[in-house]
Protein backbone atom coordinates (compact mmCIF):
# COMPACT_ATOMS: atom_id res chain seq x y z
CA UNK A 1 13.85 -4.86 -7.05
CA UNK A 2 14.25 -7.67 -9.51
CA UNK A 3 18.00 -7.79 -8.92
CA UNK A 4 17.46 -8.16 -5.15
CA UNK A 5 14.99 -11.06 -5.76
CA UNK A 6 17.46 -12.78 -8.09
CA UNK A 7 20.31 -12.31 -5.61
CA UNK A 8 18.28 -13.70 -2.72
CA UNK A 9 17.12 -16.64 -4.74
CA UNK A 10 20.69 -17.49 -5.78
CA UNK A 11 21.76 -17.22 -2.16
CA UNK A 12 18.99 -19.47 -1.09
CA UNK A 13 19.83 -22.12 -3.70
CA UNK A 14 23.64 -22.08 -3.69
CA UNK A 15 24.58 -20.62 -0.32
CA UNK A 16 21.98 -22.21 1.92
CA UNK A 17 21.34 -25.47 0.06
CA UNK A 18 17.74 -25.02 -1.11
CA UNK A 19 18.54 -26.85 -4.36
CA UNK A 20 20.01 -29.94 -2.54
CA UNK A 21 16.56 -31.19 -1.39
CA UNK A 22 15.69 -34.61 -2.84
CA UNK A 23 12.57 -35.51 -0.84
CA UNK A 24 9.23 -36.63 -2.14
CA UNK A 25 6.73 -35.32 0.35
CA UNK A 26 5.09 -31.97 0.82
CA UNK A 27 6.00 -32.03 4.52
CA UNK A 28 9.69 -32.64 3.86
CA UNK A 29 9.86 -29.88 1.30
CA UNK A 30 8.01 -27.52 3.59
CA UNK A 31 10.49 -28.23 6.47
CA UNK A 32 13.46 -27.68 4.20
CA UNK A 33 12.10 -24.36 2.87
CA UNK A 34 11.22 -23.24 6.43
CA UNK A 35 14.82 -23.88 7.64
CA UNK A 36 16.46 -22.29 4.67
CA UNK A 37 14.29 -19.17 4.97
CA UNK A 38 14.98 -18.93 8.67
CA UNK A 39 18.74 -19.18 7.94
CA UNK A 40 18.52 -16.54 5.30
CA UNK A 41 16.60 -14.22 7.71
CA UNK A 42 19.23 -14.71 10.34
CA UNK A 43 22.11 -14.00 7.91
CA UNK A 44 20.39 -10.90 6.51
CA UNK A 45 19.74 -9.44 9.98
CA UNK A 46 23.40 -10.16 10.96
CA UNK A 47 24.65 -8.56 7.74
CA UNK A 48 22.59 -5.39 8.28
CA UNK A 49 23.36 -5.08 11.95
CA UNK A 50 25.81 -2.20 12.48
CA UNK A 51 27.13 -3.59 15.77
CA UNK A 52 28.48 -6.77 14.12
CA UNK A 53 32.07 -6.47 13.04
CA UNK A 54 32.99 -8.25 9.84
CA UNK A 55 36.33 -10.10 9.71
CA UNK A 56 38.95 -8.49 7.46
């Protein structure tokens, strides 16, 4: 389980840009985290969907 959490966190930071936030407000940080989390959920569902073909 820990490996999965570390992998997801690394994907959030580097792949989806969570670590690029430079705002100063709670509202701005909350918006950024919400968008990044929604993007990760979309990509995870797409990756696990057997009907989606992956390019070779």
